[in-house]
Amino acid sequence: MGLLSRLTGLAPTKAPTDDALLIHAMFLMAGADGNFDDEETAVIIGFANSLPEFKETTEQQFQGLISEARKLARKFETPQASVAALAQLSTPKLKQKAFLLAADIALSSGDVDEHEDAMLESIGRVLGIDENTANTIINVLAIKYVA
């Protein structure tokens, strides 16, 4: 452990906000296939703009939340490991919302691959989403994306 690491370890780490955790859930799913580009960032911003949590959020505040979500992800060795951070969401409803947003991001891309499927399963486990709720969310979203 380096000098700076020891010093930063002394200060209590600030818990991520629910808003940053919701963004983190969307980032996790968007990057689950190993690709993450500006188009996916735009999709996440579009999703976030439709949520009541972000209705009054300024562009500067939103960029701060994105930075907070990215900082959170860097605390873990892999994106799969950073799923654990989602357990910090403060309410069961927010946990369901995070799962729904992750599933929505996955389905919005058109093709869901095995990496996205595995990521969604991990997110569901960490968030404590039961199989019935997960299936209901997926079935409703499937209606949204059927061609």
C-alpha atoms as a PDB file:
ATOM      1  CA  MET A   1       0.000   0.000   0.000  1.00  0.00           C
ATOM      2  CA  GLY A   2       1.449   3.345  -1.030  1.00  0.00           C
ATOM      3  CA  LEU A   3       1.599   6.497   1.052  1.00  0.00           C
ATOM      4  CA  LEU A   4      -1.319   8.144  -0.700  1.00  0.00           C
ATOM      5  CA  SER A   5      -3.411   5.003  -0.534  1.00  0.00           C
ATOM      6  CA  ARG A   6      -2.856   4.844   3.206  1.00  0.00           C
ATOM      7  CA  LEU A   7      -3.794   8.479   3.621  1.00  0.00           C
ATOM      8  CA  THR A   8      -6.943   8.221   1.553  1.00  0.00           C
ATOM      9  CA  GLY A   9      -7.851   5.093   3.456  1.00  0.00           C
ATOM     10  CA  LEU A  10      -8.038   7.135   6.646  1.00  0.00           C
ATOM     11  CA  ALA A  11     -10.822   9.369   5.405  1.00  0.00           C
ATOM     12  CA  PRO A  12     -14.280   7.875   5.425  1.00  0.00           C
ATOM     13  CA  THR A  13     -15.362   7.123   1.900  1.00  0.00           C
ATOM     14  CA  LYS A  14     -18.536   8.821   0.854  1.00  0.00           C
ATOM     15  CA  ALA A  15     -21.265   6.397  -0.111  1.00  0.00           C
ATOM     16  CA  PRO A  16     -22.462   6.755  -3.675  1.00  0.00           C
ATOM     17  CA  THR A  17     -25.816   8.426  -4.130  1.00  0.00           C
ATOM     18  CA  ASP A  18     -28.845   6.529  -5.353  1.00  0.00           C
ATOM     19  CA  ASP A  19     -28.783   8.638  -8.516  1.00  0.00           C
ATOM     20  CA  ALA A  20     -25.167   7.698  -9.249  1.00  0.00           C
ATOM     21  CA  LEU A  21     -25.982   4.040  -8.575  1.00  0.00           C
ATOM     22  CA  LEU A  22     -28.843   4.134 -11.096  1.00  0.00           C
ATOM     23  CA  ILE A  23     -26.441   5.548 -13.667  1.00  0.00           C
ATOM     24  CA  HIS A  24     -23.885   2.906 -12.677  1.00  0.00           C
ATOM     25  CA  ALA A  25     -26.466   0.164 -13.372  1.00  0.00           C
ATOM     26  CA  MET A  26     -27.059   1.572 -16.847  1.00  0.00           C
ATOM     27  CA  PHE A  27     -23.309   1.894 -17.536  1.00  0.00           C
ATOM     28  CA  LEU A  28     -22.761  -1.695 -16.432  1.00  0.00           C
ATOM     29  CA  MET A  29     -25.307  -2.988 -18.897  1.00  0.00           C
ATOM     30  CA  ALA A  30     -24.225  -0.713 -21.730  1.00  0.00           C
ATOM     31  CA  GLY A  31     -20.649  -1.934 -21.386  1.00  0.00           C
ATOM     32  CA  ALA A  32     -21.427  -5.591 -20.669  1.00  0.00           C
ATOM     33  CA  ASP A  33     -20.639  -6.645 -24.225  1.00  0.00           C
ATOM     34  CA  GLY A  34     -17.155  -5.136 -23.977  1.00  0.00           C
ATOM     35  CA  ASN A  35     -18.004  -2.097 -26.082  1.00  0.00           C
ATOM     36  CA  PHE A  36     -18.836   1.321 -24.748  1.00  0.00           C
ATOM     37  CA  ASP A  37     -18.941   4.327 -27.021  1.00  0.00           C
ATOM     38  CA  ASP A  38     -20.481   7.772 -27.330  1.00  0.00           C
ATOM     39  CA  GLU A  39     -23.702   6.322 -28.765  1.00  0.00           C
ATOM     40  CA  GLU A  40     -24.242   4.244 -25.631  1.00  0.00           C
ATOM     41  CA  THR A  41     -23.512   7.259 -23.440  1.00  0.00           C
ATOM     42  CA  ALA A  42     -26.162   9.169 -25.400  1.00  0.00           C
ATOM     43  CA  VAL A  43     -28.654   6.334 -24.817  1.00  0.00           C
ATOM     44  CA  ILE A  44     -27.972   6.442 -21.077  1.00  0.00           C
ATOM     45  CA  ILE A  45     -28.422  10.215 -21.007  1.00  0.00           C
ATOM     46  CA  GLY A  46     -31.702   9.799 -22.896  1.00  0.00           C
ATOM     47  CA  PHE A  47     -32.931   7.209 -20.416  1.00  0.00           C
ATOM     48  CA  ALA A  48     -31.862   9.349 -17.461  1.00  0.00           C
ATOM     49  CA  ASN A  49     -33.639  12.405 -18.862  1.00  0.00           C
ATOM     50  CA  SER A  50     -36.896  10.446 -18.787  1.00  0.00           C
ATOM     51  CA  LEU A  51     -36.579   9.624 -15.075  1.00  0.00           C
ATOM     52  CA  PRO A  52     -38.090  11.736 -12.304  1.00  0.00           C
ATOM     53  CA  GLU A  53     -34.834  11.521 -10.322  1.00  0.00           C
ATOM     54  CA  PHE A  54     -33.105  13.623 -12.952  1.00  0.00           C
ATOM     55  CA  LYS A  55     -35.905  16.010 -13.897  1.00  0.00           C
ATOM     56  CA  GLU A  56     -34.449  18.943 -11.955  1.00  0.00           C
ATOM     57  CA  THR A  57     -30.809  17.984 -12.558  1.00  0.00           C
ATOM     58  CA  THR A  58     -28.681  20.503 -14.427  1.00  0.00           C
ATOM     59  CA  GLU A  59     -26.216  19.386 -17.086  1.00  0.00           C
ATOM     60  CA  GLN A  60     -23.344  20.129 -14.687  1.00  0.00           C
ATOM     61  CA  GLN A  61     -24.960  18.105 -11.889  1.00  0.00           C
ATOM     62  CA  PHE A  62     -25.640  15.236 -14.277  1.00  0.00           C
ATOM     63  CA  GLN A  63     -22.019  15.229 -15.436  1.00  0.00           C
ATOM     64  CA  GLY A  64     -21.041  15.068 -11.751  1.00  0.00           C
ATOM     65  CA  LEU A  65     -23.254  11.997 -11.307  1.00  0.00           C
ATOM     66  CA  ILE A  66     -21.660  10.372 -14.351  1.00  0.00           C
ATOM     67  CA  SER A  67     -18.235  11.093 -12.850  1.00  0.00           C
ATOM     68  CA  GLU A  68     -19.376   9.621  -9.534  1.00  0.00           C
ATOM     69  CA  ALA A  69     -20.609   6.467 -11.295  1.00  0.00           C
ATOM     70  CA  ARG A  70     -17.339   6.096 -13.208  1.00  0.00           C
ATOM     71  CA  LYS A  71     -15.305   6.647 -10.047  1.00  0.00           C
ATOM     72  CA  LEU A  72     -17.369   3.969  -8.338  1.00  0.00           C
ATOM     73  CA  ALA A  73     -16.702   1.503 -11.171  1.00  0.00           C
ATOM     74  CA  ARG A  74     -12.943   2.132 -10.962  1.00  0.00           C
ATOM     75  CA  LYS A  75     -12.918   0.930  -7.339  1.00  0.00           C
ATOM     76  CA  PHE A  76     -13.407  -2.614  -8.639  1.00  0.00           C
ATOM     77  CA  GLU A  77     -11.129  -4.769 -10.762  1.00  0.00           C
ATOM     78  CA  THR A  78     -13.827  -5.689 -13.280  1.00  0.00           C
ATOM     79  CA  PRO A  79     -17.246  -4.398 -14.288  1.00  0.00           C
ATOM     80  CA  GLN A  80     -18.710  -7.720 -13.121  1.00  0.00           C
ATOM     81  CA  ALA A  81     -17.237  -7.115  -9.650  1.00  0.00           C
ATOM     82  CA  SER A  82     -18.613  -3.568  -9.534  1.00  0.00           C
ATOM     83  CA  VAL A  83     -22.153  -4.936  -9.678  1.00  0.00           C
ATOM     84  CA  ALA A  84     -21.769  -5.393  -5.903  1.00  0.00           C
ATOM     85  CA  ALA A  85     -21.985  -1.612  -5.455  1.00  0.00           C
ATOM     86  CA  LEU A  86     -25.636  -1.696  -6.534  1.00  0.00           C
ATOM     87  CA  ALA A  87     -26.524  -3.357  -3.227  1.00  0.00           C
ATOM     88  CA  GLN A  88     -26.109   0.122  -1.702  1.00  0.00           C
ATOM     89  CA  LEU A  89     -29.315   1.383  -3.335  1.00  0.00           C
ATOM     90  CA  SER A  90     -31.441   2.629  -0.471  1.00  0.00           C
ATOM     91  CA  THR A  91     -34.867   1.110  -1.185  1.00  0.00           C
ATOM     92  CA  PRO A  92     -36.337  -2.024  -2.760  1.00  0.00           C
ATOM     93  CA  LYS A  93     -38.165   0.135  -5.328  1.00  0.00           C
ATOM     94  CA  LEU A  94     -34.895   1.736  -6.436  1.00  0.00           C
ATOM     95  CA  LYS A  95     -33.371  -1.734  -6.719  1.00  0.00           C
ATOM     96  CA  GLN A  96     -36.244  -2.772  -8.981  1.00  0.00           C
ATOM     97  CA  LYS A  97     -35.808   0.422 -10.989  1.00  0.00           C
ATOM     98  CA  ALA A  98     -32.080  -0.251 -11.425  1.00  0.00           C
ATOM     99  CA  PHE A  99     -32.848  -3.759 -12.690  1.00  0.00           C
ATOM    100  CA  LEU A 100     -35.511  -2.420 -15.044  1.00  0.00           C
ATOM    101  CA  LEU A 101     -33.156   0.251 -16.419  1.00  0.00           C
ATOM    102  CA  ALA A 102     -30.394  -2.289 -16.964  1.00  0.00           C
ATOM    103  CA  ALA A 103     -32.780  -4.626 -18.785  1.00  0.00           C
ATOM    104  CA  ASP A 104     -34.146  -1.735 -20.843  1.00  0.00           C
ATOM    105  CA  ILE A 105     -30.618  -0.721 -21.889  1.00  0.00           C
ATOM    106  CA  ALA A 106     -29.840  -4.318 -22.905  1.00  0.00           C
ATOM    107  CA  LEU A 107     -32.997  -4.721 -24.966  1.00  0.00           C
ATOM    108  CA  SER A 108     -32.713  -1.280 -26.572  1.00  0.00           C
ATOM    109  CA  SER A 109     -29.596  -2.408 -28.451  1.00  0.00           C
ATOM    110  CA  GLY A 110     -31.589  -5.018 -30.359  1.00  0.00           C
ATOM    111  CA  ASP A 111     -29.385  -8.054 -29.858  1.00  0.00           C
ATOM    112  CA  VAL A 112     -28.754  -9.336 -26.362  1.00  0.00           C
ATOM    113  CA  ASP A 113     -25.583 -11.407 -26.140  1.00  0.00           C
ATOM    114  CA  GLU A 114     -24.402 -13.804 -23.458  1.00  0.00           C
ATOM    115  CA  HIS A 115     -22.335 -11.091 -21.723  1.00  0.00           C
ATOM    116  CA  GLU A 116     -25.375  -8.852 -21.334  1.00  0.00           C
ATOM    117  CA  ASP A 117     -27.469 -11.790 -20.186  1.00  0.00           C
ATOM    118  CA  ALA A 118     -24.850 -12.712 -17.564  1.00  0.00           C
ATOM    119  CA  MET A 119     -24.574  -9.086 -16.428  1.00  0.00           C
ATOM    120  CA  LEU A 120     -28.339  -8.790 -16.003  1.00  0.00           C
ATOM    121  CA  GLU A 121     -28.414 -12.006 -13.989  1.00  0.00           C
ATOM    122  CA  SER A 122     -25.634 -10.672 -11.748  1.00  0.00           C
ATOM    123  CA  ILE A 123     -27.437  -7.377 -11.286  1.00  0.00           C
ATOM    124  CA  GLY A 124     -30.645  -9.210 -10.401  1.00  0.00           C
ATOM    125  CA  ARG A 125     -28.866 -11.369  -7.819  1.00  0.00           C
ATOM    126  CA  VAL A 126     -27.128  -8.431  -6.147  1.00  0.00           C
ATOM    127  CA  LEU A 127     -30.337  -6.418  -6.055  1.00  0.00           C
ATOM    128  CA  GLY A 128     -32.369  -9.331  -4.717  1.00  0.00           C
ATOM    129  CA  ILE A 129     -34.805  -9.329  -7.633  1.00  0.00           C
ATOM    130  CA  ASP A 130     -36.917 -12.472  -7.448  1.00  0.00           C
ATOM    131  CA  GLU A 131     -37.483 -14.554 -10.568  1.00  0.00           C
ATOM    132  CA  ASN A 132     -41.147 -13.587 -10.900  1.00  0.00           C
ATOM    133  CA  THR A 133     -40.362  -9.858 -10.777  1.00  0.00           C
ATOM    134  CA  ALA A 134     -37.464 -10.274 -13.214  1.00  0.00           C
ATOM    135  CA  ASN A 135     -39.650 -12.193 -15.661  1.00  0.00           C
ATOM    136  CA  THR A 136     -42.424  -9.600 -15.404  1.00  0.00           C
ATOM    137  CA  ILE A 137     -39.987  -6.767 -16.135  1.00  0.00           C
ATOM    138  CA  ILE A 138     -38.449  -8.614 -19.094  1.00  0.00           C
ATOM    139  CA  ASN A 139     -41.853  -9.555 -20.522  1.00  0.00           C
ATOM    140  CA  VAL A 140     -43.120  -5.974 -20.365  1.00  0.00           C
ATOM    141  CA  LEU A 141     -39.932  -4.621 -21.922  1.00  0.00           C
ATOM    142  CA  ALA A 142     -40.117  -7.266 -24.650  1.00  0.00           C
ATOM    143  CA  ILE A 143     -43.461  -5.765 -25.673  1.00  0.00           C
ATOM    144  CA  LYS A 144     -41.759  -2.374 -25.944  1.00  0.00           C
ATOM    145  CA  TYR A 145     -39.056  -3.685 -28.282  1.00  0.00           C
ATOM    146  CA  VAL A 146     -40.978  -6.208 -30.419  1.00  0.00           C
ATOM    147  CA  ALA A 147     -40.753  -5.287 -34.084  1.00  0.00           C
END
